[in-house]
Amino acid sequence: MHSEYSRWGYNNLRIFLAWCQLLGGCGLIIGMLHLSLNPLISITSFLLTIMMLTAVYTRIKSKDGLLLTLPSLFYSILNTIIFFQSI
């Protein structure tokens, strides 16, 4: 995975992006466990959607195949559904 971030030109952002994904996932879990924190679900799912759409764009720009692009595409669709269900 380290070589992939280097190939995309995001080598310096690798740890930051990992933390963003981890915190976003934790925000979704906490927001779903505590329904009074509904804005947390909306915010984290929206930010994760933007992150995954950026990942799709990066995969397309680097001419990766459809098989490599599908996970980020799936997660962007999933987070979009979560976002619209939470608002």
N, C-alpha and C. Protein backbone atom coordinates (compact mmCIF):
# COMPACT_ATOMS: atom_id res chain seq x y z
N MET A 1 0.82 -1.19 0.00
CA MET A 1 0.00 0.00 0.00
C MET A 1 0.87 1.26 0.00
N HIS A 2 2.02 1.17 0.63
CA HIS A 2 2.92 2.32 0.66
C HIS A 2 3.33 2.73 -0.75
N SER A 3 3.58 1.74 -1.60
CA SER A 3 3.98 2.04 -2.98
C SER A 3 2.83 2.67 -3.78
N GLU A 4 1.59 2.28 -3.45
CA GLU A 4 0.44 2.87 -4.13
C GLU A 4 0.34 4.37 -3.83
N TYR A 5 0.50 4.75 -2.58
CA TYR A 5 0.45 6.17 -2.22
C TYR A 5 1.57 6.94 -2.90
N SER A 6 2.73 6.32 -3.03
CA SER A 6 3.85 6.97 -3.74
C SER A 6 3.50 7.14 -5.21
N ARG A 7 2.89 6.13 -5.80
CA ARG A 7 2.54 6.18 -7.22
C ARG A 7 1.50 7.26 -7.49
N TRP A 8 0.58 7.46 -6.56
CA TRP A 8 -0.45 8.49 -6.73
C TRP A 8 0.05 9.88 -6.39
N GLY A 9 1.20 9.98 -5.73
CA GLY A 9 1.72 11.27 -5.33
C GLY A 9 1.23 11.73 -3.97
N TYR A 10 0.68 10.81 -3.18
CA TYR A 10 0.15 11.14 -1.85
C TYR A 10 0.99 10.53 -0.74
N ASN A 11 2.25 10.32 -0.99
CA ASN A 11 3.12 9.66 0.00
C ASN A 11 3.18 10.44 1.31
N ASN A 12 3.22 11.77 1.24
CA ASN A 12 3.30 12.59 2.45
C ASN A 12 1.98 12.62 3.22
N LEU A 13 0.86 12.31 2.55
CA LEU A 13 -0.45 12.38 3.19
C LEU A 13 -0.95 11.02 3.67
N ARG A 14 -0.15 9.99 3.54
CA ARG A 14 -0.57 8.63 3.82
C ARG A 14 -1.09 8.46 5.25
N ILE A 15 -0.36 8.90 6.23
CA ILE A 15 -0.75 8.74 7.63
C ILE A 15 -1.95 9.63 7.95
N PHE A 16 -1.97 10.83 7.42
CA PHE A 16 -3.10 11.74 7.63
C PHE A 16 -4.40 11.14 7.08
N LEU A 17 -4.33 10.57 5.87
CA LEU A 17 -5.52 9.98 5.27
C LEU A 17 -5.98 8.75 6.05
N ALA A 18 -5.04 7.98 6.56
CA ALA A 18 -5.41 6.81 7.37
C ALA A 18 -6.14 7.25 8.64
N TRP A 19 -5.65 8.31 9.28
CA TRP A 19 -6.32 8.82 10.49
C TRP A 19 -7.70 9.38 10.16
N CYS A 20 -7.83 10.05 9.03
CA CYS A 20 -9.14 10.57 8.63
C CYS A 20 -10.13 9.44 8.42
N GLN A 21 -9.71 8.36 7.77
CA GLN A 21 -10.59 7.23 7.57
C GLN A 21 -10.95 6.55 8.88
N LEU A 22 -9.97 6.40 9.76
CA LEU A 22 -10.21 5.77 11.06
C LEU A 22 -11.18 6.60 11.90
N LEU A 23 -10.95 7.90 11.97
CA LEU A 23 -11.83 8.78 12.75
C LEU A 23 -13.22 8.86 12.13
N GLY A 24 -13.29 8.85 10.81
CA GLY A 24 -14.59 8.85 10.14
C GLY A 24 -15.38 7.59 10.44
N GLY A 25 -14.71 6.45 10.41
CA GLY A 25 -15.38 5.19 10.76
C GLY A 25 -15.84 5.17 12.21
N CYS A 26 -14.99 5.67 13.11
CA CYS A 26 -15.38 5.76 14.53
C CYS A 26 -16.55 6.71 14.71
N GLY A 27 -16.56 7.80 13.97
CA GLY A 27 -17.67 8.75 14.05
C GLY A 27 -18.98 8.13 13.59
N LEU A 28 -18.92 7.29 12.55
CA LEU A 28 -20.14 6.60 12.11
C LEU A 28 -20.63 5.63 13.16
N ILE A 29 -19.72 4.87 13.75
CA ILE A 29 -20.12 3.89 14.78
C ILE A 29 -20.70 4.59 16.00
N ILE A 30 -20.02 5.62 16.48
CA ILE A 30 -20.51 6.35 17.66
C ILE A 30 -21.85 7.01 17.36
N GLY A 31 -21.98 7.59 16.18
CA GLY A 31 -23.24 8.23 15.81
C GLY A 31 -24.40 7.26 15.70
N MET A 32 -24.12 6.03 15.28
CA MET A 32 -25.19 5.05 15.18
C MET A 32 -25.54 4.44 16.54
N LEU A 33 -24.57 4.39 17.44
CA LEU A 33 -24.84 3.85 18.77
C LEU A 33 -25.60 4.85 19.63
N HIS A 34 -25.36 6.13 19.42
CA HIS A 34 -26.02 7.19 20.18
C HIS A 34 -26.84 8.02 19.21
N LEU A 35 -28.11 7.69 19.11
CA LEU A 35 -28.96 8.34 18.11
C LEU A 35 -29.13 9.83 18.35
N SER A 36 -28.81 10.29 19.57
CA SER A 36 -28.89 11.73 19.83
C SER A 36 -27.77 12.49 19.11
N LEU A 37 -26.77 11.76 18.62
CA LEU A 37 -25.66 12.39 17.89
C LEU A 37 -25.85 12.27 16.38
N ASN A 38 -27.08 12.45 15.91
CA ASN A 38 -27.37 12.33 14.49
C ASN A 38 -26.53 13.26 13.61
N PRO A 39 -26.23 14.49 14.04
CA PRO A 39 -25.36 15.33 13.20
C PRO A 39 -23.97 14.72 12.98
N LEU A 40 -23.50 13.92 13.92
CA LEU A 40 -22.20 13.27 13.76
C LEU A 40 -22.23 12.30 12.59
N ILE A 41 -23.31 11.56 12.45
CA ILE A 41 -23.45 10.64 11.31
C ILE A 41 -23.45 11.42 10.00
N SER A 42 -24.19 12.51 9.96
CA SER A 42 -24.28 13.31 8.74
C SER A 42 -22.92 13.88 8.34
N ILE A 43 -22.22 14.42 9.31
CA ILE A 43 -20.93 15.05 9.03
C ILE A 43 -19.90 14.02 8.59
N THR A 44 -19.79 12.91 9.34
CA THR A 44 -18.76 11.92 9.00
C THR A 44 -19.07 11.21 7.70
N SER A 45 -20.35 10.89 7.45
CA SER A 45 -20.67 10.22 6.19
C SER A 45 -20.44 11.15 5.00
N PHE A 46 -20.73 12.44 5.17
CA PHE A 46 -20.47 13.39 4.08
C PHE A 46 -18.97 13.50 3.80
N LEU A 47 -18.17 13.62 4.86
CA LEU A 47 -16.72 13.74 4.67
C LEU A 47 -16.12 12.46 4.09
N LEU A 48 -16.61 11.31 4.53
CA LEU A 48 -16.12 10.05 3.96
C LEU A 48 -16.55 9.89 2.50
N THR A 49 -17.73 10.41 2.16
CA THR A 49 -18.16 10.39 0.76
C THR A 49 -17.21 11.21 -0.10
N ILE A 50 -16.86 12.41 0.37
CA ILE A 50 -15.92 13.25 -0.37
C ILE A 50 -14.56 12.56 -0.49
N MET A 51 -14.12 11.93 0.59
CA MET A 51 -12.83 11.23 0.55
C MET A 51 -12.85 10.08 -0.46
N MET A 52 -13.94 9.33 -0.48
CA MET A 52 -14.02 8.18 -1.39
C MET A 52 -14.20 8.63 -2.84
N LEU A 53 -14.93 9.72 -3.06
CA LEU A 53 -15.03 10.24 -4.43
C LEU A 53 -13.67 10.73 -4.92
N THR A 54 -12.88 11.29 -4.03
CA THR A 54 -11.52 11.68 -4.38
C THR A 54 -10.69 10.45 -4.70
N ALA A 55 -10.91 9.36 -3.97
CA ALA A 55 -10.20 8.11 -4.25
C ALA A 55 -10.59 7.55 -5.62
N VAL A 56 -11.87 7.64 -5.96
CA VAL A 56 -12.32 7.20 -7.29
C VAL A 56 -11.64 8.04 -8.37
N TYR A 57 -11.62 9.35 -8.16
CA TYR A 57 -10.96 10.24 -9.12
C TYR A 57 -9.47 9.89 -9.26
N THR A 58 -8.82 9.62 -8.15
CA THR A 58 -7.40 9.27 -8.18
C THR A 58 -7.18 7.98 -8.94
N ARG A 59 -8.03 7.00 -8.72
CA ARG A 59 -7.92 5.72 -9.44
C ARG A 59 -8.12 5.92 -10.94
N ILE A 60 -9.10 6.74 -11.31
CA ILE A 60 -9.35 6.99 -12.73
C ILE A 60 -8.18 7.75 -13.34
N LYS A 61 -7.69 8.76 -12.62
CA LYS A 61 -6.58 9.57 -13.13
C LYS A 61 -5.31 8.74 -13.31
N SER A 62 -5.09 7.76 -12.43
CA SER A 62 -3.88 6.94 -12.55
C SER A 62 -4.09 5.74 -13.46
N LYS A 63 -5.27 5.70 -14.13
CA LYS A 63 -5.59 4.66 -15.11
C LYS A 63 -5.59 3.26 -14.52
N ASP A 64 -6.06 3.15 -13.27
CA ASP A 64 -6.25 1.85 -12.67
C ASP A 64 -7.52 1.23 -13.25
N GLY A 65 -7.60 -0.06 -13.21
CA GLY A 65 -8.74 -0.76 -13.78
C GLY A 65 -9.99 -0.64 -12.92
N LEU A 66 -11.09 -1.14 -13.47
CA LEU A 66 -12.37 -1.09 -12.78
C LEU A 66 -12.33 -1.89 -11.49
N LEU A 67 -11.65 -3.03 -11.50
CA LEU A 67 -11.58 -3.87 -10.32
C LEU A 67 -10.91 -3.16 -9.14
N LEU A 68 -9.90 -2.34 -9.41
CA LEU A 68 -9.23 -1.58 -8.36
C LEU A 68 -10.04 -0.36 -7.92
N THR A 69 -10.92 0.12 -8.79
CA THR A 69 -11.73 1.30 -8.49
C THR A 69 -13.01 0.95 -7.75
N LEU A 70 -13.47 -0.29 -7.88
CA LEU A 70 -14.75 -0.68 -7.29
C LEU A 70 -14.85 -0.49 -5.77
N PRO A 71 -13.83 -0.81 -4.96
CA PRO A 71 -14.00 -0.59 -3.52
C PRO A 71 -14.28 0.86 -3.14
N SER A 72 -13.53 1.79 -3.71
CA SER A 72 -13.77 3.19 -3.38
C SER A 72 -15.11 3.67 -3.93
N LEU A 73 -15.51 3.15 -5.07
CA LEU A 73 -16.81 3.49 -5.63
C LEU A 73 -17.94 2.94 -4.74
N PHE A 74 -17.78 1.72 -4.26
CA PHE A 74 -18.76 1.11 -3.36
C PHE A 74 -18.89 1.93 -2.08
N TYR A 75 -17.76 2.29 -1.47
CA TYR A 75 -17.81 3.05 -0.22
C TYR A 75 -18.35 4.46 -0.41
N SER A 76 -18.11 5.06 -1.57
CA SER A 76 -18.68 6.39 -1.80
C SER A 76 -20.20 6.29 -1.93
N ILE A 77 -20.70 5.26 -2.59
CA ILE A 77 -22.15 5.06 -2.71
C ILE A 77 -22.75 4.76 -1.34
N LEU A 78 -22.10 3.88 -0.58
CA LEU A 78 -22.59 3.52 0.75
C LEU A 78 -22.65 4.74 1.68
N ASN A 79 -21.61 5.55 1.68
CA ASN A 79 -21.60 6.75 2.52
C ASN A 79 -22.60 7.78 2.06
N THR A 80 -22.85 7.85 0.76
CA THR A 80 -23.88 8.76 0.24
C THR A 80 -25.26 8.34 0.73
N ILE A 81 -25.52 7.03 0.71
CA ILE A 81 -26.80 6.52 1.22
C ILE A 81 -26.94 6.83 2.70
N ILE A 82 -25.89 6.59 3.47
CA ILE A 82 -25.92 6.88 4.90
C ILE A 82 -26.17 8.36 5.14
N PHE A 83 -25.50 9.20 4.34
CA PHE A 83 -25.68 10.65 4.51
C PHE A 83 -27.13 11.06 4.27
N PHE A 84 -27.71 10.62 3.16
CA PHE A 84 -29.07 11.04 2.86
C PHE A 84 -30.10 10.44 3.80
N GLN A 85 -29.81 9.27 4.37
CA GLN A 85 -30.71 8.70 5.36
C GLN A 85 -30.62 9.45 6.70
N SER A 86 -29.49 10.09 6.95
CA SER A 86 -29.31 10.74 8.25
C SER A 86 -29.81 12.18 8.29
N ILE A 87 -30.05 12.78 7.10
CA ILE A 87 -30.56 14.15 7.13
C ILE A 87 -32.07 14.19 7.04
